[in-house]
Amino acid sequence: MIDEENSSITFIDYEFASHNHIAYDLAYHFCEMEADYHSDNPHVIHYSKYPGLEERQRFIYIYLSSDGKKPSNIEVEQLVNVAEKYTLACHLFYGLWGLLWNAIRTADFDCKEYARQRLEQYWSKKITLLDSSSIISQNGICQ
């Protein structure tokens, strides 16, 4: 993606591409910013690296602008909110992935600890992100 205003480029890695809601892919992107798989402890998640609200808004604004149309602030906010809820799906999916990989292979990567961290994040964020006043409709819009 190109941000013409800042002359910056963002590369998109399609390694785990699949048919998902756009908000899942954005949530996954944001969650992966917490990881450093090239460190001495690649299984450790650094939650402080999760992008702040302004960074997520900017990224989503640029993403939605890629078709040449400028999105409204409401469109950006709605997608930011839905993507935030989808972080739960990312944490749950990769928590379960870690448990599965821990059971079937041996590696330098501590899959069990990785799974623990992801599942812990899922449970700690679930209550606040899925309160009854904020429900995702079938078209993905928060109501």
Foldseek 3Di string as FASTA:
>chain_A
DADVVVRDDDDDDCPPPDDDDPLLSLLLVQQCQQADCPDPQRLDGRVVRRDDPVVQLVVQQVVVCPVVDGDDSLVSVQSSLLSVLSNLVVLQVLLVVLVVCVVPDDDPHNSNSSSVVSVVVNVVCVCVSPPPQWDQDPVRGTD
